N, C-alpha and C. Protein backbone atom coordinates (compact mmCIF):
# COMPACT_ATOMS: atom_id res chain seq x y z
N MET A 1 -1.94 13.32 -27.11
CA MET A 1 -2.23 12.09 -27.60
C MET A 1 -1.50 10.87 -26.96
N ARG A 2 -0.16 11.07 -26.39
CA ARG A 2 0.49 9.89 -25.58
C ARG A 2 -0.16 9.86 -24.45
N LYS A 3 -0.92 10.81 -23.55
CA LYS A 3 -1.29 10.60 -22.78
C LYS A 3 -2.50 9.78 -22.72
N TYR A 4 -3.56 9.61 -23.78
CA TYR A 4 -4.65 9.17 -23.96
C TYR A 4 -4.03 7.59 -24.31
N PHE A 5 -3.06 7.56 -24.73
CA PHE A 5 -2.76 6.00 -25.14
C PHE A 5 -2.18 5.10 -23.80
N MET A 6 -1.38 6.05 -23.05
CA MET A 6 -0.80 5.49 -21.47
C MET A 6 -2.05 5.28 -20.85
N LEU A 7 -3.08 6.10 -20.87
CA LEU A 7 -4.40 5.76 -20.10
C LEU A 7 -5.38 4.66 -20.55
N LEU A 8 -5.34 4.17 -22.17
CA LEU A 8 -5.84 3.19 -22.63
C LEU A 8 -5.07 1.93 -22.23
N PHE A 9 -3.96 2.08 -22.37
CA PHE A 9 -3.29 0.79 -22.20
C PHE A 9 -3.10 0.54 -20.46
N GLY A 10 -3.19 1.76 -19.63
CA GLY A 10 -3.52 1.50 -18.23
C GLY A 10 -4.74 0.50 -18.21
N VAL A 11 -6.04 1.02 -18.65
CA VAL A 11 -7.19 0.54 -18.60
C VAL A 11 -7.29 -1.14 -18.86
N ILE A 12 -6.67 -1.45 -20.07
CA ILE A 12 -6.47 -2.63 -20.59
C ILE A 12 -5.46 -3.45 -19.22
N ARG A 13 -4.71 -3.01 -19.03
CA ARG A 13 -4.02 -3.30 -17.66
C ARG A 13 -4.86 -3.79 -16.62
N PHE A 14 -5.47 -2.69 -16.25
CA PHE A 14 -6.51 -3.09 -15.12
C PHE A 14 -7.55 -3.95 -15.39
N SER A 15 -7.98 -3.86 -16.31
CA SER A 15 -8.81 -4.72 -16.98
C SER A 15 -8.43 -6.47 -16.73
N LYS A 16 -7.05 -6.47 -17.04
CA LYS A 16 -6.44 -8.03 -17.01
C LYS A 16 -6.42 -8.72 -15.61
N GLU A 17 -6.21 -7.36 -14.94
CA GLU A 17 -6.02 -7.85 -13.09
C GLU A 17 -7.48 -8.19 -12.70
N TYR A 18 -8.52 -7.38 -13.14
CA TYR A 18 -9.51 -7.16 -12.30
C TYR A 18 -10.41 -8.97 -13.02
N LEU A 19 -10.26 -9.29 -14.17
CA LEU A 19 -10.43 -10.52 -14.66
C LEU A 19 -9.83 -11.61 -13.96
N LEU A 20 -8.72 -11.77 -14.01
CA LEU A 20 -8.16 -12.41 -12.99
C LEU A 20 -8.65 -12.63 -11.66
N ASN A 21 -8.84 -11.64 -11.05
CA ASN A 21 -9.03 -11.67 -9.46
C ASN A 21 -10.60 -10.93 -9.27
N TRP A 22 -11.86 -11.24 -10.21
CA TRP A 22 -13.01 -10.53 -10.34
C TRP A 22 -13.91 -10.89 -9.00
N ASN A 23 -13.38 -12.11 -8.36
CA ASN A 23 -14.46 -12.23 -7.31
C ASN A 23 -14.04 -11.69 -6.04
N ASN A 24 -12.94 -11.29 -6.21
CA ASN A 24 -12.37 -10.45 -4.68
C ASN A 24 -11.81 -9.30 -5.02
N LEU A 25 -11.66 -8.64 -5.85
CA LEU A 25 -11.30 -7.62 -6.25
C LEU A 25 -12.61 -6.54 -6.74
N THR A 26 -12.78 -5.56 -5.89
CA THR A 26 -14.00 -4.57 -5.65
C THR A 26 -13.65 -3.42 -6.32
N VAL A 27 -13.98 -2.87 -7.39
CA VAL A 27 -13.60 -1.24 -8.06
C VAL A 27 -14.87 -0.54 -8.12
N ASN A 28 -14.52 0.54 -8.02
CA ASN A 28 -15.62 1.43 -8.23
C ASN A 28 -15.24 2.39 -9.41
N GLY A 29 -15.75 2.26 -10.77
CA GLY A 29 -15.89 2.87 -11.98
C GLY A 29 -14.31 1.92 -12.58
N PHE A 30 -14.21 2.75 -13.69
CA PHE A 30 -12.99 2.45 -14.34
C PHE A 30 -12.12 3.44 -14.70
N GLU A 31 -11.51 4.41 -13.81
CA GLU A 31 -10.79 5.42 -13.74
C GLU A 31 -9.55 5.22 -12.99
N TYR A 32 -8.58 4.33 -13.58
CA TYR A 32 -7.51 3.88 -12.85
C TYR A 32 -6.19 3.97 -14.07
N TYR A 33 -5.19 4.00 -13.19
CA TYR A 33 -3.95 3.82 -14.37
C TYR A 33 -3.29 2.64 -13.69
N PHE A 34 -3.00 1.59 -14.74
CA PHE A 34 -1.98 0.47 -13.90
C PHE A 34 -0.66 0.58 -14.99
N GLY A 35 0.54 0.84 -14.54
CA GLY A 35 1.65 0.83 -15.27
C GLY A 35 2.09 -0.66 -15.86
N LYS A 36 3.04 -0.64 -16.31
CA LYS A 36 3.51 -2.06 -16.88
C LYS A 36 3.96 -2.67 -15.77
N ASN A 37 3.77 -3.99 -15.35
CA ASN A 37 4.05 -5.05 -14.64
C ASN A 37 3.21 -4.84 -13.40
N VAL A 38 2.19 -4.06 -13.20
CA VAL A 38 1.71 -3.88 -11.97
C VAL A 38 0.66 -5.18 -11.76
N LYS A 39 0.62 -5.69 -10.60
CA LYS A 39 0.09 -7.23 -10.49
C LYS A 39 -0.75 -7.03 -8.89
N VAL A 40 -2.26 -7.21 -9.03
CA VAL A 40 -2.73 -7.65 -7.93
C VAL A 40 -2.81 -8.93 -7.57
N LEU A 41 -2.53 -9.53 -6.92
CA LEU A 41 -2.44 -11.11 -6.16
C LEU A 41 -3.17 -10.88 -4.82
N LEU A 42 -4.19 -11.65 -5.40
CA LEU A 42 -5.34 -12.14 -4.12
C LEU A 42 -5.26 -14.06 -4.14
N TYR A 43 -4.77 -14.21 -2.85
CA TYR A 43 -4.80 -15.46 -2.52
C TYR A 43 -5.39 -16.23 -1.23
N ASN A 44 -6.23 -16.87 -0.99
CA ASN A 44 -7.25 -17.36 -0.06
C ASN A 44 -8.04 -16.54 0.58
N LYS A 45 -8.98 -16.38 -0.23
CA LYS A 45 -9.89 -15.28 -0.06
C LYS A 45 -9.42 -13.87 0.31
N GLY A 46 -8.22 -13.50 0.13
CA GLY A 46 -7.84 -11.86 -0.17
C GLY A 46 -8.65 -11.24 -0.44
N LYS A 47 -8.93 -10.03 -0.12
CA LYS A 47 -9.85 -9.13 -0.95
C LYS A 47 -9.18 -7.91 -1.05
N CYS A 48 -9.66 -6.87 -2.45
CA CYS A 48 -8.99 -5.75 -2.57
C CYS A 48 -10.07 -4.72 -2.85
N LYS A 49 -10.38 -3.63 -2.20
CA LYS A 49 -11.27 -2.67 -2.92
C LYS A 49 -10.66 -1.39 -3.30
N ILE A 50 -10.73 -1.07 -4.45
CA ILE A 50 -9.91 0.03 -4.97
C ILE A 50 -11.36 0.76 -5.39
N ASP A 51 -10.81 2.19 -4.59
CA ASP A 51 -12.06 3.45 -5.42
C ASP A 51 -11.87 4.04 -6.37
N LYS A 52 -11.94 5.15 -7.21
CA LYS A 52 -11.58 5.86 -8.14
C LYS A 52 -10.46 6.66 -8.20
N HIS A 53 -10.03 6.86 -9.45
CA HIS A 53 -9.12 7.82 -9.77
C HIS A 53 -7.57 7.41 -8.95
N ASN A 54 -7.23 6.26 -8.96
CA ASN A 54 -6.05 5.96 -8.62
C ASN A 54 -4.91 5.71 -9.73
N TRP A 55 -3.87 5.88 -9.38
CA TRP A 55 -2.70 5.60 -10.17
C TRP A 55 -1.51 4.79 -9.70
N PHE A 56 -1.31 3.34 -10.34
CA PHE A 56 0.01 2.83 -9.80
C PHE A 56 0.90 2.76 -10.84
N ALA A 57 1.83 2.97 -10.50
CA ALA A 57 3.12 3.18 -11.60
C ALA A 57 3.83 1.96 -11.53
N GLU A 58 4.70 1.50 -12.64
CA GLU A 58 5.17 0.56 -13.05
C GLU A 58 5.64 -0.13 -11.72
N ASN A 59 5.60 -1.63 -12.09
CA ASN A 59 6.13 -2.93 -10.84
C ASN A 59 5.65 -2.70 -9.67
N SER A 60 4.58 -2.09 -9.46
CA SER A 60 4.18 -2.01 -8.22
C SER A 60 3.13 -3.35 -7.93
N ILE A 61 2.89 -3.87 -6.80
CA ILE A 61 2.47 -5.12 -6.17
C ILE A 61 1.06 -4.70 -5.15
N ILE A 62 0.03 -5.24 -5.44
CA ILE A 62 -0.85 -5.31 -4.34
C ILE A 62 -1.04 -6.46 -4.35
N GLU A 63 -0.98 -7.17 -2.87
CA GLU A 63 -1.00 -8.53 -2.57
C GLU A 63 -1.93 -8.85 -1.32
N SER A 64 -2.74 -9.65 -1.42
CA SER A 64 -3.47 -9.90 0.15
C SER A 64 -3.61 -11.43 -0.12
N ASN A 65 -3.11 -12.08 1.13
CA ASN A 65 -3.33 -13.50 1.58
C ASN A 65 -4.12 -13.83 2.67
N ALA A 66 -5.54 -13.76 2.41
CA ALA A 66 -6.54 -14.10 3.54
C ALA A 66 -6.84 -12.65 4.29
N GLY A 67 -6.26 -11.66 3.58
CA GLY A 67 -6.23 -10.35 4.01
C GLY A 67 -7.12 -9.49 3.52
N LYS A 68 -7.41 -8.24 3.66
CA LYS A 68 -8.02 -7.13 3.27
C LYS A 68 -7.25 -5.86 2.86
N ILE A 69 -7.34 -5.13 1.76
CA ILE A 69 -6.71 -4.01 1.41
C ILE A 69 -7.91 -3.22 0.74
N SER A 70 -7.89 -1.74 1.06
CA SER A 70 -8.99 -0.91 1.02
C SER A 70 -8.31 0.24 0.45
N ILE A 71 -8.27 0.72 -0.72
CA ILE A 71 -7.52 1.66 -1.23
C ILE A 71 -8.86 3.09 -1.21
N GLY A 72 -8.63 4.12 -1.08
CA GLY A 72 -9.61 5.18 -0.99
C GLY A 72 -9.54 5.65 -2.65
N PHE A 73 -9.93 6.97 -2.79
CA PHE A 73 -10.05 7.71 -4.15
C PHE A 73 -8.66 8.81 -4.24
N ASN A 74 -8.39 8.97 -5.41
CA ASN A 74 -7.33 9.88 -5.95
C ASN A 74 -6.08 9.55 -5.17
N ASN A 75 -5.43 8.48 -5.39
CA ASN A 75 -4.20 8.07 -4.89
C ASN A 75 -3.10 7.72 -5.87
N PHE A 76 -1.94 8.39 -5.75
CA PHE A 76 -0.78 8.10 -6.85
C PHE A 76 0.32 6.95 -6.00
N PHE A 77 0.61 5.93 -6.55
CA PHE A 77 1.73 4.85 -5.87
C PHE A 77 2.80 4.85 -7.02
N ASN A 78 3.59 5.59 -6.70
CA ASN A 78 4.85 5.57 -7.70
C ASN A 78 5.47 4.37 -8.03
N THR A 79 6.57 3.91 -8.74
CA THR A 79 7.35 2.85 -9.24
C THR A 79 7.76 1.95 -8.00
N ASN A 80 7.45 0.63 -7.93
CA ASN A 80 7.93 -0.43 -7.25
C ASN A 80 7.07 -0.49 -5.95
N CYS A 81 6.02 0.14 -5.73
CA CYS A 81 5.19 0.26 -4.40
C CYS A 81 4.84 -1.35 -3.98
N LYS A 82 4.95 -1.72 -3.19
CA LYS A 82 4.41 -2.81 -2.46
C LYS A 82 3.70 -2.79 -1.34
N ILE A 83 2.46 -3.34 -1.37
CA ILE A 83 0.93 -3.37 -0.59
C ILE A 83 0.93 -4.75 -0.15
N ILE A 84 1.10 -5.18 0.80
CA ILE A 84 1.29 -6.71 1.29
C ILE A 84 0.46 -7.07 2.28
N SER A 85 -0.78 -7.85 2.35
CA SER A 85 -1.58 -8.00 3.74
C SER A 85 -1.72 -9.16 3.77
N LEU A 86 -1.73 -9.74 5.30
CA LEU A 86 -2.42 -10.81 5.94
C LEU A 86 -3.45 -10.77 6.54
N ASN A 87 -3.26 -9.50 7.21
CA ASN A 87 -4.48 -8.85 7.93
C ASN A 87 -5.75 -7.78 7.34
N SER A 88 -5.14 -6.55 7.45
CA SER A 88 -5.73 -5.42 6.89
C SER A 88 -5.19 -4.29 6.51
N ILE A 89 -5.35 -3.58 5.30
CA ILE A 89 -4.93 -2.32 5.09
C ILE A 89 -5.84 -1.69 4.62
N GLU A 90 -5.93 -0.35 5.08
CA GLU A 90 -6.95 0.68 4.89
C GLU A 90 -5.88 2.13 4.45
N ILE A 91 -5.94 2.62 2.96
CA ILE A 91 -5.76 3.60 2.82
C ILE A 91 -6.43 4.71 2.18
N GLY A 92 -6.30 5.98 2.91
CA GLY A 92 -7.50 7.36 2.74
C GLY A 92 -7.25 7.53 1.01
N ASN A 93 -7.66 8.86 1.07
CA ASN A 93 -7.86 9.40 0.13
C ASN A 93 -7.07 10.50 -0.23
N ASN A 94 -6.28 10.91 -1.67
CA ASN A 94 -5.68 11.99 -2.21
C ASN A 94 -4.07 12.04 -1.35
N ASN A 95 -3.36 10.72 -1.62
CA ASN A 95 -2.18 10.05 -0.85
C ASN A 95 -1.10 10.20 -2.14
N LEU A 96 0.14 10.71 -1.70
CA LEU A 96 1.22 10.75 -2.54
C LEU A 96 2.17 9.60 -2.13
N ILE A 97 2.47 8.36 -2.82
CA ILE A 97 3.16 7.41 -2.14
C ILE A 97 4.34 7.51 -3.09
N GLY A 98 5.48 7.47 -2.47
CA GLY A 98 6.84 7.56 -3.29
C GLY A 98 7.20 5.86 -3.96
N PRO A 99 8.53 6.32 -4.86
CA PRO A 99 8.93 5.15 -5.12
C PRO A 99 9.50 4.18 -4.18
N ASN A 100 9.07 2.75 -3.86
CA ASN A 100 9.97 1.91 -3.51
C ASN A 100 9.63 1.85 -2.00
N VAL A 101 8.20 2.14 -1.91
CA VAL A 101 7.44 2.34 -0.41
C VAL A 101 6.82 0.85 -0.09
N ILE A 102 7.06 0.30 0.77
CA ILE A 102 6.66 -1.21 1.49
C ILE A 102 5.81 -1.06 2.53
N ILE A 103 4.23 -1.51 2.07
CA ILE A 103 3.38 -1.38 3.43
C ILE A 103 3.11 -2.66 3.59
N VAL A 104 3.23 -3.46 4.69
CA VAL A 104 3.24 -4.49 5.21
C VAL A 104 2.73 -4.78 6.95
N ASP A 105 1.60 -5.58 6.71
CA ASP A 105 1.19 -5.63 7.87
C ASP A 105 1.11 -6.69 8.87
N HIS A 106 2.40 -7.35 8.33
CA HIS A 106 2.38 -8.68 9.44
C HIS A 106 4.61 -8.89 9.72
N ASP A 107 4.72 -9.56 10.10
CA ASP A 107 6.29 -10.11 10.79
C ASP A 107 6.12 -11.36 10.73
N HIS A 108 7.36 -11.83 10.51
CA HIS A 108 7.80 -13.34 11.13
C HIS A 108 7.99 -13.65 12.62
N LYS A 109 7.13 -14.53 13.11
CA LYS A 109 7.53 -15.01 14.33
C LYS A 109 8.92 -15.63 14.38
N PHE A 110 9.51 -15.67 15.40
CA PHE A 110 11.16 -16.03 15.61
C PHE A 110 11.25 -16.41 17.20
N ASP A 111 10.08 -16.52 18.12
CA ASP A 111 10.26 -16.99 19.27
C ASP A 111 10.64 -18.33 19.65
N GLN A 112 10.06 -19.28 19.09
CA GLN A 112 9.98 -20.57 19.28
C GLN A 112 11.64 -21.51 18.96
N LYS A 113 12.06 -22.04 19.94
CA LYS A 113 13.62 -22.33 19.71
C LYS A 113 13.39 -23.76 19.15
N GLY A 114 14.37 -24.23 18.24
CA GLY A 114 14.32 -25.53 17.61
C GLY A 114 13.42 -25.44 16.33
N ILE A 115 12.76 -24.60 16.03
CA ILE A 115 12.07 -24.41 14.92
C ILE A 115 12.28 -23.18 13.88
N LEU A 116 12.60 -23.93 12.62
CA LEU A 116 12.90 -22.77 11.68
C LEU A 116 11.90 -21.56 11.87
N ILE A 117 12.49 -20.34 11.43
CA ILE A 117 11.94 -19.04 11.65
C ILE A 117 10.26 -18.84 10.52
N ASN A 118 10.90 -19.69 9.15
CA ASN A 118 9.83 -19.51 8.06
C ASN A 118 8.77 -20.72 8.10
N GLN A 119 8.86 -21.42 9.54
CA GLN A 119 7.87 -22.31 9.66
C GLN A 119 6.95 -21.88 10.96
N GLN A 120 7.27 -20.72 11.47
CA GLN A 120 6.85 -20.53 12.85
C GLN A 120 5.44 -19.22 12.63
N GLY A 121 5.05 -19.04 11.24
CA GLY A 121 4.01 -18.03 11.33
C GLY A 121 4.26 -16.71 11.03
N PHE A 122 3.27 -15.63 11.48
CA PHE A 122 3.23 -14.56 11.33
C PHE A 122 2.57 -13.77 12.51
N LYS A 123 3.09 -12.69 13.00
CA LYS A 123 2.34 -11.95 13.56
C LYS A 123 1.49 -10.68 12.82
N THR A 124 0.47 -10.51 13.09
CA THR A 124 -0.50 -9.45 12.18
C THR A 124 -1.10 -8.42 12.68
N ASN A 125 -1.20 -7.34 12.06
CA ASN A 125 -1.64 -6.05 12.89
C ASN A 125 -2.14 -5.11 11.82
N LYS A 126 -3.31 -4.48 12.03
CA LYS A 126 -4.08 -3.77 10.83
C LYS A 126 -3.29 -2.43 10.94
N ILE A 127 -2.94 -1.91 9.43
CA ILE A 127 -2.54 -0.61 9.08
C ILE A 127 -3.35 0.50 8.58
N THR A 128 -3.76 1.48 9.05
CA THR A 128 -4.24 2.30 8.64
C THR A 128 -3.74 3.76 8.34
N LEU A 129 -3.87 4.39 7.17
CA LEU A 129 -3.25 5.35 6.55
C LEU A 129 -4.45 6.60 5.99
N GLY A 130 -4.16 7.69 6.88
CA GLY A 130 -5.53 8.99 6.47
C GLY A 130 -5.28 9.04 5.27
N SER A 131 -5.59 10.44 5.02
CA SER A 131 -5.93 11.33 3.73
C SER A 131 -4.83 12.39 3.75
N ASP A 132 -4.53 12.70 2.67
CA ASP A 132 -3.47 13.93 2.25
C ASP A 132 -2.08 14.05 2.97
N ILE A 133 -1.76 12.75 2.56
CA ILE A 133 -0.38 12.23 3.02
C ILE A 133 0.63 11.76 2.09
N TRP A 134 1.74 12.80 2.17
CA TRP A 134 2.67 12.02 1.13
C TRP A 134 3.90 11.48 1.93
N ILE A 135 4.10 10.51 0.97
CA ILE A 135 5.36 9.29 1.90
C ILE A 135 6.36 9.07 0.78
N GLY A 136 7.57 9.47 1.18
CA GLY A 136 8.50 9.96 0.39
C GLY A 136 9.43 8.77 -0.01
N ALA A 137 10.04 8.51 -1.20
CA ALA A 137 10.86 6.93 -1.17
C ALA A 137 11.27 6.46 -0.41
N ASN A 138 11.42 5.00 -0.39
CA ASN A 138 11.86 4.11 0.22
C ASN A 138 11.41 4.05 1.44
N VAL A 139 10.38 4.46 1.64
CA VAL A 139 9.81 4.20 3.54
C VAL A 139 9.53 2.84 3.46
N VAL A 140 9.59 2.60 4.75
CA VAL A 140 8.82 0.95 5.33
C VAL A 140 7.50 1.39 6.06
N ILE A 141 6.22 1.15 6.08
CA ILE A 141 5.31 0.80 7.22
C ILE A 141 5.10 -0.46 7.77
N THR A 142 5.40 -0.30 8.99
CA THR A 142 4.97 -1.99 9.64
C THR A 142 4.08 -2.05 10.00
N LYS A 143 3.76 -3.32 10.45
CA LYS A 143 2.24 -3.93 11.26
C LYS A 143 2.11 -2.92 12.37
N GLY A 144 0.44 -2.98 12.37
CA GLY A 144 -0.11 -2.48 13.69
C GLY A 144 0.35 -0.55 13.25
N VAL A 145 0.69 0.11 12.19
CA VAL A 145 0.83 1.65 12.39
C VAL A 145 -0.49 2.01 11.94
N SER A 146 -0.87 3.22 12.60
CA SER A 146 -1.83 4.01 12.10
C SER A 146 -1.13 5.52 11.55
N ILE A 147 -1.74 6.07 10.81
CA ILE A 147 -0.92 7.67 10.04
C ILE A 147 -2.27 8.35 10.28
N CYS A 148 -2.23 9.37 10.79
CA CYS A 148 -3.43 10.62 10.46
C CYS A 148 -3.47 11.14 9.63
N ASP A 149 -4.42 12.09 9.36
CA ASP A 149 -4.34 13.06 7.98
C ASP A 149 -2.93 13.97 8.34
N LYS A 150 -2.73 14.44 6.82
CA LYS A 150 -1.83 15.40 6.91
C LYS A 150 -0.62 15.24 7.43
N VAL A 151 0.22 14.56 6.77
CA VAL A 151 1.53 14.03 7.30
C VAL A 151 2.30 14.03 6.04
N ILE A 152 3.36 14.01 6.21
CA ILE A 152 4.66 14.12 5.24
C ILE A 152 5.83 13.39 6.37
N VAL A 153 5.96 12.06 5.38
CA VAL A 153 6.95 11.34 5.85
C VAL A 153 8.29 11.45 5.16
N GLY A 154 9.22 11.58 5.61
CA GLY A 154 10.64 11.80 4.50
C GLY A 154 11.14 10.76 3.96
N ALA A 155 11.88 10.63 2.96
CA ALA A 155 12.62 9.67 2.25
C ALA A 155 13.54 8.78 3.16
N ASN A 156 13.18 7.30 2.84
CA ASN A 156 14.34 6.64 3.61
C ASN A 156 13.82 6.59 5.15
N SER A 157 12.46 6.70 5.70
CA SER A 157 12.15 6.36 6.91
C SER A 157 11.61 5.37 7.22
N THR A 158 11.41 4.98 8.70
CA THR A 158 10.47 3.09 8.64
C THR A 158 9.77 3.88 9.71
N ILE A 159 8.37 3.68 9.56
CA ILE A 159 7.31 3.78 10.21
C ILE A 159 7.13 2.73 11.20
N THR A 160 7.38 2.91 12.76
CA THR A 160 7.32 1.71 13.37
C THR A 160 6.06 1.84 14.54
N LYS A 161 5.71 3.18 14.63
CA LYS A 161 4.58 3.72 15.54
C LYS A 161 3.60 4.61 15.10
N ASN A 162 2.60 4.57 15.60
CA ASN A 162 1.18 5.60 15.28
C ASN A 162 1.99 7.00 15.06
N ILE A 163 1.38 7.51 14.00
CA ILE A 163 1.37 8.89 13.92
C ILE A 163 0.12 9.57 14.08
N ASN A 164 -0.18 10.37 15.10
CA ASN A 164 -1.29 10.81 15.85
C ASN A 164 -1.27 12.26 15.58
N GLN A 165 -0.28 12.92 15.12
CA GLN A 165 -0.52 14.51 14.53
C GLN A 165 0.08 15.02 13.50
N SER A 166 -0.42 15.81 12.65
CA SER A 166 0.27 16.34 11.30
C SER A 166 1.54 17.05 11.45
N GLY A 167 2.26 16.62 10.54
CA GLY A 167 3.97 16.96 10.81
C GLY A 167 4.57 16.17 9.27
N ILE A 168 5.66 16.54 9.71
CA ILE A 168 6.68 16.25 8.69
C ILE A 168 7.41 15.06 10.05
N TYR A 169 7.79 14.12 9.35
CA TYR A 169 8.47 12.72 10.20
C TYR A 169 9.60 12.24 9.42
N LEU A 170 10.81 12.14 9.83
CA LEU A 170 11.95 11.61 9.21
C LEU A 170 12.59 10.56 10.19
N GLY A 171 13.46 9.85 9.40
CA GLY A 171 14.29 8.95 10.33
C GLY A 171 13.98 7.60 10.47
N ASN A 172 14.56 6.78 11.25
CA ASN A 172 14.59 5.22 11.29
C ASN A 172 14.70 5.04 12.73
N PRO A 173 13.57 4.78 13.44
CA PRO A 173 12.48 5.25 13.23
C PRO A 173 12.08 6.27 13.18
N ALA A 174 10.93 6.77 12.52
CA ALA A 174 10.52 8.26 11.95
C ALA A 174 10.19 8.73 12.94
N LYS A 175 10.79 10.14 13.22
CA LYS A 175 10.23 11.08 14.40
C LYS A 175 9.87 12.34 13.68
N LEU A 176 8.79 12.98 15.01
CA LEU A 176 8.39 14.47 14.42
C LEU A 176 9.45 15.51 14.33
N TYR A 177 9.80 16.18 13.12
CA TYR A 177 10.27 16.77 12.67
C TYR A 177 10.28 18.63 12.77
N LYS A 178 8.98 18.38 12.16
CA LYS A 178 8.20 19.74 12.22
C LYS A 178 6.86 19.33 11.96
N ARG A 179 6.33 20.48 12.77
CA ARG A 179 4.53 20.29 13.02
C ARG A 179 4.29 21.25 11.76
N LEU A 180 2.66 20.81 11.13
CA LEU A 180 2.41 21.37 9.78
C LEU A 180 1.14 22.58 10.38
C-alpha cells in the first residue's frame, strides 16, 4: 500500500513540474517517480525530454538554460542528483546514478585579465552517457565527456575524459581499474 502512495505522490509532483514547464518539457507517458523537492528548471528556451520508467529521488534538480537534456528509458537517479545544461546532455537507458552525482556540460571562462570570472561567460560541450551504466555516489561528470555502454564509475570519482571501453573506472580523474 505504501508503494502505491509513493507512486501516486510522485505522479502528482511530476504533474506539477510538467504544468510549470509544459512548453519545453517532453514526456513519454506518465510512468515516473518524482521525490520530494525534485525540480525541473527550464530557462531561455531550454528543453528537456524524459522517457518512461524514470525515478528521481529527493532533492534532484534537472536544469537547462538554453540547452537540451534527453533522458532515456528506465533510469534511477538517487538523492541530490544535479543535471545542469547550457549545451546538451544525453543519458541512455537502464542506468543507475548514485546520490550527489553532478553532471554539468559547462565551465566558467577565466582567461581574460581585468574582468571578473563571473562576467566572462562559459565554455560548453555536449555530454553523452550510454546505457547500462552505474555511477557511484559523489561522482562529477564534466563538459565534453562521452561514456560508452556497460561502465561502472566508482564513488567520489571525477570524469574529465571520454570513456570508450566498458569497465570499472576509479579516481580523480577516473582511470580504468578493471575491464568488464
